[in-house]
Amino acid sequence: MSIIHQLSKTIVLAACLVFGWQALAQNSDLVLQSEIQVGGSNPERALEKTVADTRAIFYNYVPAVDSSTTILKPLRVSGSAAMPVIQMTLRKCVAFICEVVDLDAEIRTVATQSDCAKSYLIRADLSRSSTTLANTYRELNVEACLNKPNTLAFRVTARRGPEYKSGVVQQEVMKMLKLQSKPILQAIQKSLKANGG
């Protein structure tokens, strides 16, 4: 195989990857960006221990609600340390219309390649949740990037579902996800501290 042929195959592969990631980014909406300071003498080790037991993060998670939302069934955390499941039932009212929303999410954490000292993706699969939620957003993703010195940057995105359509329903679902994002990051920070970070 000639060098030119190899080079052209590499360029085509790189273009596919770039456009693939762009397509994925276009199918996601930004929910939240934030940074926290990680203490301790070995923040990388603290982060490794934290993501190794993702279930412990969600034991620390305290769901947030606004005045239009009522928790009907409190948060339940089950599953394994590496693949927890969170379940909760809410009633969400907009004007005089109320809907019961079941959150049923399986969560996985994977290490990712980046320019960070350590980086992970915590992915919550929302496909088993109520139709309104799952059809609007199929995943909630938390990207965690540990930069030096001791700064952990978060980027939370929601991947659009099969029947995503901008409008009132999408806006209300996004409000709900935004409301939960800060408590999730607070739960991660609490777990980090418990693991020496």
C-alpha atoms as a PDB file:
ATOM      1  CA  MET A   1       0.000   0.000   0.000  1.00  0.00           C
ATOM      2  CA  SER A   2       1.469   3.352  -1.027  1.00  0.00           C
ATOM      3  CA  ILE A   3       2.083   6.182   1.446  1.00  0.00           C
ATOM      4  CA  ILE A   4      -0.383   8.389  -0.482  1.00  0.00           C
ATOM      5  CA  HIS A   5      -3.091   5.713  -0.216  1.00  0.00           C
ATOM      6  CA  GLN A   6      -2.453   5.316   3.529  1.00  0.00           C
ATOM      7  CA  LEU A   7      -2.512   9.089   3.989  1.00  0.00           C
ATOM      8  CA  SER A   8      -5.793   9.468   2.094  1.00  0.00           C
ATOM      9  CA  LYS A   9      -7.400   6.715   4.218  1.00  0.00           C
ATOM     10  CA  THR A  10      -6.216   8.492   7.384  1.00  0.00           C
ATOM     11  CA  ILE A  11      -7.651  11.826   6.196  1.00  0.00           C
ATOM     12  CA  VAL A  12     -11.010  10.209   5.347  1.00  0.00           C
ATOM     13  CA  LEU A  13     -11.118   8.507   8.780  1.00  0.00           C
ATOM     14  CA  ALA A  14     -10.247  11.771  10.564  1.00  0.00           C
ATOM     15  CA  ALA A  15     -12.962  13.627   8.608  1.00  0.00           C
ATOM     16  CA  CYS A  16     -15.527  10.961   9.540  1.00  0.00           C
ATOM     17  CA  LEU A  17     -14.591  11.263  13.205  1.00  0.00           C
ATOM     18  CA  VAL A  18     -14.755  15.066  13.168  1.00  0.00           C
ATOM     19  CA  PHE A  19     -18.124  15.175  11.384  1.00  0.00           C
ATOM     20  CA  GLY A  20     -19.425  12.336  13.591  1.00  0.00           C
ATOM     21  CA  TRP A  21     -18.581  14.289  16.748  1.00  0.00           C
ATOM     22  CA  GLN A  22     -20.088  17.450  15.243  1.00  0.00           C
ATOM     23  CA  ALA A  23     -23.305  15.564  14.488  1.00  0.00           C
ATOM     24  CA  LEU A  24     -23.388  14.230  18.053  1.00  0.00           C
ATOM     25  CA  ALA A  25     -22.805  17.746  19.445  1.00  0.00           C
ATOM     26  CA  GLN A  26     -25.606  19.102  17.230  1.00  0.00           C
ATOM     27  CA  ASN A  27     -27.928  16.489  18.743  1.00  0.00           C
ATOM     28  CA  SER A  28     -27.199  17.661  22.297  1.00  0.00           C
ATOM     29  CA  ASP A  29     -28.149  20.749  24.290  1.00  0.00           C
ATOM     30  CA  LEU A  30     -25.925  22.351  26.917  1.00  0.00           C
ATOM     31  CA  VAL A  31     -27.445  22.120  30.396  1.00  0.00           C
ATOM     32  CA  LEU A  32     -24.692  23.446  32.672  1.00  0.00           C
ATOM     33  CA  GLN A  33     -20.972  24.269  32.824  1.00  0.00           C
ATOM     34  CA  SER A  34     -19.188  24.566  36.147  1.00  0.00           C
ATOM     35  CA  GLU A  35     -15.853  24.170  37.953  1.00  0.00           C
ATOM     36  CA  ILE A  36     -14.867  23.059  41.441  1.00  0.00           C
ATOM     37  CA  GLN A  37     -11.588  22.876  43.317  1.00  0.00           C
ATOM     38  CA  VAL A  38     -10.419  19.408  44.357  1.00  0.00           C
ATOM     39  CA  GLY A  39      -8.493  19.294  47.626  1.00  0.00           C
ATOM     40  CA  GLY A  40      -6.132  16.692  49.020  1.00  0.00           C
ATOM     41  CA  SER A  41      -2.632  15.681  47.993  1.00  0.00           C
ATOM     42  CA  ASN A  42      -3.726  13.391  45.141  1.00  0.00           C
ATOM     43  CA  PRO A  43      -6.793  14.747  43.302  1.00  0.00           C
ATOM     44  CA  GLU A  44      -6.374  12.255  40.440  1.00  0.00           C
ATOM     45  CA  ARG A  45      -6.639   9.312  42.855  1.00  0.00           C
ATOM     46  CA  ALA A  46      -9.639  10.905  44.600  1.00  0.00           C
ATOM     47  CA  LEU A  47     -11.404  11.259  41.244  1.00  0.00           C
ATOM     48  CA  GLU A  48     -10.577   7.646  40.278  1.00  0.00           C
ATOM     49  CA  LYS A  49     -12.042   6.349  43.559  1.00  0.00           C
ATOM     50  CA  THR A  50     -15.138   8.542  43.153  1.00  0.00           C
ATOM     51  CA  VAL A  51     -16.030   7.366  39.649  1.00  0.00           C
ATOM     52  CA  ALA A  52     -15.238   3.733  40.546  1.00  0.00           C
ATOM     53  CA  ASP A  53     -18.293   3.835  42.841  1.00  0.00           C
ATOM     54  CA  THR A  54     -20.805   5.870  40.852  1.00  0.00           C
ATOM     55  CA  ARG A  55     -23.632   4.517  43.025  1.00  0.00           C
ATOM     56  CA  ALA A  56     -22.136   6.295  46.070  1.00  0.00           C
ATOM     57  CA  ILE A  57     -22.402   9.606  44.177  1.00  0.00           C
ATOM     58  CA  PHE A  58     -26.155   9.134  43.855  1.00  0.00           C
ATOM     59  CA  TYR A  59     -26.525   8.163  47.515  1.00  0.00           C
ATOM     60  CA  ASN A  60     -25.376  11.779  48.095  1.00  0.00           C
ATOM     61  CA  TYR A  61     -27.741  13.214  45.478  1.00  0.00           C
ATOM     62  CA  VAL A  62     -30.654  15.274  46.839  1.00  0.00           C
ATOM     63  CA  PRO A  63     -33.164  16.021  44.045  1.00  0.00           C
ATOM     64  CA  ALA A  64     -34.262  19.627  43.639  1.00  0.00           C
ATOM     65  CA  VAL A  65     -37.811  20.709  42.833  1.00  0.00           C
ATOM     66  CA  ASP A  66     -39.437  24.019  42.014  1.00  0.00           C
ATOM     67  CA  SER A  67     -42.863  25.300  43.035  1.00  0.00           C
ATOM     68  CA  SER A  68     -44.554  23.555  40.095  1.00  0.00           C
ATOM     69  CA  THR A  69     -43.112  20.124  40.920  1.00  0.00           C
ATOM     70  CA  THR A  70     -44.016  17.597  43.630  1.00  0.00           C
ATOM     71  CA  ILE A  71     -42.108  14.409  44.428  1.00  0.00           C
ATOM     72  CA  LEU A  72     -44.603  11.523  44.451  1.00  0.00           C
ATOM     73  CA  LYS A  73     -42.073   8.707  44.949  1.00  0.00           C
ATOM     74  CA  PRO A  74     -38.720   9.625  46.514  1.00  0.00           C
ATOM     75  CA  LEU A  75     -35.374   8.854  44.934  1.00  0.00           C
ATOM     76  CA  ARG A  76     -34.412   5.185  44.946  1.00  0.00           C
ATOM     77  CA  VAL A  77     -30.822   4.153  44.172  1.00  0.00           C
ATOM     78  CA  SER A  78     -30.149   0.529  43.219  1.00  0.00           C
ATOM     79  CA  GLY A  79     -27.894  -1.494  40.922  1.00  0.00           C
ATOM     80  CA  SER A  80     -24.156  -2.038  41.215  1.00  0.00           C
ATOM     81  CA  ALA A  81     -21.393   0.383  42.168  1.00  0.00           C
ATOM     82  CA  ALA A  82     -20.321   0.601  38.516  1.00  0.00           C
ATOM     83  CA  MET A  83     -23.823   0.658  36.990  1.00  0.00           C
ATOM     84  CA  PRO A  84     -26.357   2.209  39.383  1.00  0.00           C
ATOM     85  CA  VAL A  85     -30.010   2.831  38.592  1.00  0.00           C
ATOM     86  CA  ILE A  86     -31.909   5.849  39.926  1.00  0.00           C
ATOM     87  CA  GLN A  87     -35.711   6.020  40.021  1.00  0.00           C
ATOM     88  CA  MET A  88     -38.075   8.761  41.119  1.00  0.00           C
ATOM     89  CA  THR A  89     -41.624   9.888  40.303  1.00  0.00           C
ATOM     90  CA  LEU A  90     -42.563  13.569  40.032  1.00  0.00           C
ATOM     91  CA  ARG A  91     -45.718  15.499  39.245  1.00  0.00           C
ATOM     92  CA  LYS A  92     -44.997  18.514  37.070  1.00  0.00           C
ATOM     93  CA  CYS A  93     -47.657  21.188  36.544  1.00  0.00           C
ATOM     94  CA  VAL A  94     -47.603  23.918  33.913  1.00  0.00           C
ATOM     95  CA  ALA A  95     -50.526  26.363  34.159  1.00  0.00           C
ATOM     96  CA  PHE A  96     -53.459  24.043  34.947  1.00  0.00           C
ATOM     97  CA  ILE A  97     -52.034  20.957  33.237  1.00  0.00           C
ATOM     98  CA  CYS A  98     -50.198  18.373  35.366  1.00  0.00           C
ATOM     99  CA  GLU A  99     -48.251  15.304  34.252  1.00  0.00           C
ATOM    100  CA  VAL A 100     -46.655  12.472  36.226  1.00  0.00           C
ATOM    101  CA  VAL A 101     -43.033  11.948  35.184  1.00  0.00           C
ATOM    102  CA  ASP A 102     -41.151   8.745  36.008  1.00  0.00           C
ATOM    103  CA  LEU A 103     -37.375   9.077  36.032  1.00  0.00           C
ATOM    104  CA  ASP A 104     -35.736   5.688  35.499  1.00  0.00           C
ATOM    105  CA  ALA A 105     -32.077   6.042  34.551  1.00  0.00           C
ATOM    106  CA  GLU A 106     -29.255   3.526  34.276  1.00  0.00           C
ATOM    107  CA  ILE A 107     -25.898   5.206  34.816  1.00  0.00           C
ATOM    108  CA  ARG A 108     -22.478   4.268  33.489  1.00  0.00           C
ATOM    109  CA  THR A 109     -19.118   5.964  33.908  1.00  0.00           C
ATOM    110  CA  VAL A 110     -16.288   5.608  31.402  1.00  0.00           C
ATOM    111  CA  ALA A 111     -12.789   7.085  31.179  1.00  0.00           C
ATOM    112  CA  THR A 112     -12.333   9.312  28.125  1.00  0.00           C
ATOM    113  CA  GLN A 113      -9.362  10.519  26.104  1.00  0.00           C
ATOM    114  CA  SER A 114      -8.654  14.247  26.348  1.00  0.00           C
ATOM    115  CA  ASP A 115      -6.001  16.842  27.141  1.00  0.00           C
ATOM    116  CA  CYS A 116      -7.035  16.694  30.811  1.00  0.00           C
ATOM    117  CA  ALA A 117      -4.989  14.988  33.524  1.00  0.00           C
ATOM    118  CA  LYS A 118      -8.025  12.708  33.993  1.00  0.00           C
ATOM    119  CA  SER A 119     -11.384  12.800  32.253  1.00  0.00           C
ATOM    120  CA  TYR A 120     -14.591  10.798  32.610  1.00  0.00           C
ATOM    121  CA  LEU A 121     -18.067  10.684  31.155  1.00  0.00           C
ATOM    122  CA  ILE A 122     -21.000   9.888  33.439  1.00  0.00           C
ATOM    123  CA  ARG A 123     -23.890   8.891  31.172  1.00  0.00           C
ATOM    124  CA  ALA A 124     -27.486   8.562  32.405  1.00  0.00           C
ATOM    125  CA  ASP A 125     -29.664   6.594  29.966  1.00  0.00           C
ATOM    126  CA  LEU A 126     -33.166   8.088  30.201  1.00  0.00           C
ATOM    127  CA  SER A 127     -34.799   5.746  27.664  1.00  0.00           C
ATOM    128  CA  ARG A 128     -36.724   3.806  30.360  1.00  0.00           C
ATOM    129  CA  SER A 129     -38.212   7.005  31.781  1.00  0.00           C
ATOM    130  CA  SER A 130     -41.675   8.427  31.004  1.00  0.00           C
ATOM    131  CA  THR A 131     -42.397   8.948  27.319  1.00  0.00           C
ATOM    132  CA  THR A 132     -42.356  12.753  27.547  1.00  0.00           C
ATOM    133  CA  LEU A 133     -38.891  12.748  29.102  1.00  0.00           C
ATOM    134  CA  ALA A 134     -37.347   9.908  27.054  1.00  0.00           C
ATOM    135  CA  ASN A 135     -38.682  11.181  23.725  1.00  0.00           C
ATOM    136  CA  THR A 136     -37.395  14.696  24.384  1.00  0.00           C
ATOM    137  CA  TYR A 137     -33.977  13.811  25.823  1.00  0.00           C
ATOM    138  CA  ARG A 138     -32.595  10.271  25.710  1.00  0.00           C
ATOM    139  CA  GLU A 139     -29.427  10.874  27.809  1.00  0.00           C
ATOM    140  CA  LEU A 140     -28.002  13.222  30.389  1.00  0.00           C
ATOM    141  CA  ASN A 141     -24.205  13.348  30.129  1.00  0.00           C
ATOM    142  CA  VAL A 142     -21.767  14.766  32.677  1.00  0.00           C
ATOM    143  CA  GLU A 143     -18.261  15.298  31.299  1.00  0.00           C
ATOM    144  CA  ALA A 144     -15.647  15.713  34.053  1.00  0.00           C
ATOM    145  CA  CYS A 145     -12.180  17.046  33.208  1.00  0.00           C
ATOM    146  CA  LEU A 146      -9.486  17.308  35.898  1.00  0.00           C
ATOM    147  CA  ASN A 147      -7.097  20.117  35.014  1.00  0.00           C
ATOM    148  CA  LYS A 148      -4.076  21.200  36.969  1.00  0.00           C
ATOM    149  CA  PRO A 149      -3.887  22.745  39.481  1.00  0.00           C
ATOM    150  CA  ASN A 150      -6.697  20.740  41.103  1.00  0.00           C
ATOM    151  CA  THR A 151      -9.575  22.135  39.021  1.00  0.00           C
ATOM    152  CA  LEU A 152     -12.395  19.813  37.980  1.00  0.00           C
ATOM    153  CA  ALA A 153     -14.407  21.226  35.085  1.00  0.00           C
ATOM    154  CA  PHE A 154     -17.885  19.887  34.328  1.00  0.00           C
ATOM    155  CA  ARG A 155     -19.948  20.095  31.180  1.00  0.00           C
ATOM    156  CA  VAL A 156     -23.482  18.724  31.403  1.00  0.00           C
ATOM    157  CA  THR A 157     -25.360  18.067  28.168  1.00  0.00           C
ATOM    158  CA  ALA A 158     -28.680  16.445  27.252  1.00  0.00           C
ATOM    159  CA  ARG A 159     -28.794  14.271  24.138  1.00  0.00           C
ATOM    160  CA  ARG A 160     -31.957  14.793  22.119  1.00  0.00           C
ATOM    161  CA  GLY A 161     -34.512  12.006  21.946  1.00  0.00           C
ATOM    162  CA  PRO A 162     -36.271  10.469  18.934  1.00  0.00           C
ATOM    163  CA  GLU A 163     -39.199  12.919  19.024  1.00  0.00           C
ATOM    164  CA  TYR A 164     -37.315  16.044  20.097  1.00  0.00           C
ATOM    165  CA  LYS A 165     -39.099  19.238  19.144  1.00  0.00           C
ATOM    166  CA  SER A 166     -38.359  22.702  20.513  1.00  0.00           C
ATOM    167  CA  GLY A 167     -41.292  24.272  22.287  1.00  0.00           C
ATOM    168  CA  VAL A 168     -43.055  24.329  25.648  1.00  0.00           C
ATOM    169  CA  VAL A 169     -42.556  20.615  26.441  1.00  0.00           C
ATOM    170  CA  GLN A 170     -38.844  20.729  25.573  1.00  0.00           C
ATOM    171  CA  GLN A 171     -38.368  23.898  27.628  1.00  0.00           C
ATOM    172  CA  GLU A 172     -40.058  22.350  30.682  1.00  0.00           C
ATOM    173  CA  VAL A 173     -38.000  19.143  30.406  1.00  0.00           C
ATOM    174  CA  MET A 174     -34.823  21.230  30.079  1.00  0.00           C
ATOM    175  CA  LYS A 175     -35.798  23.242  33.198  1.00  0.00           C
ATOM    176  CA  MET A 176     -36.197  19.962  35.077  1.00  0.00           C
ATOM    177  CA  LEU A 177     -32.767  18.719  33.927  1.00  0.00           C
ATOM    178  CA  LYS A 178     -31.110  22.049  34.771  1.00  0.00           C
ATOM    179  CA  LEU A 179     -32.663  21.928  38.226  1.00  0.00           C
ATOM    180  CA  GLN A 180     -31.158  18.457  38.837  1.00  0.00           C
ATOM    181  CA  SER A 181     -27.697  19.226  37.420  1.00  0.00           C
ATOM    182  CA  LYS A 182     -26.443  21.329  40.351  1.00  0.00           C
ATOM    183  CA  PRO A 183     -27.429  18.728  42.993  1.00  0.00           C
ATOM    184  CA  ILE A 184     -25.686  16.043  40.905  1.00  0.00           C
ATOM    185  CA  LEU A 185     -22.472  18.107  40.811  1.00  0.00           C
ATOM    186  CA  GLN A 186     -22.801  18.732  44.571  1.00  0.00           C
ATOM    187  CA  ALA A 187     -23.130  14.962  45.076  1.00  0.00           C
ATOM    188  CA  ILE A 188     -19.942  14.394  43.044  1.00  0.00           C
ATOM    189  CA  GLN A 189     -18.133  17.014  45.157  1.00  0.00           C
ATOM    190  CA  LYS A 190     -19.297  15.327  48.380  1.00  0.00           C
ATOM    191  CA  SER A 191     -18.062  11.937  47.141  1.00  0.00           C
ATOM    192  CA  LEU A 192     -14.739  13.480  46.132  1.00  0.00           C
ATOM    193  CA  LYS A 193     -14.263  14.852  49.657  1.00  0.00           C
ATOM    194  CA  ALA A 194     -15.083  11.428  51.131  1.00  0.00           C
ATOM    195  CA  ASN A 195     -12.368   9.971  48.895  1.00  0.00           C
ATOM    196  CA  GLY A 196      -9.713  12.483  49.933  1.00  0.00           C
ATOM    197  CA  GLY A 197     -10.329  15.163  47.312  1.00  0.00           C
END
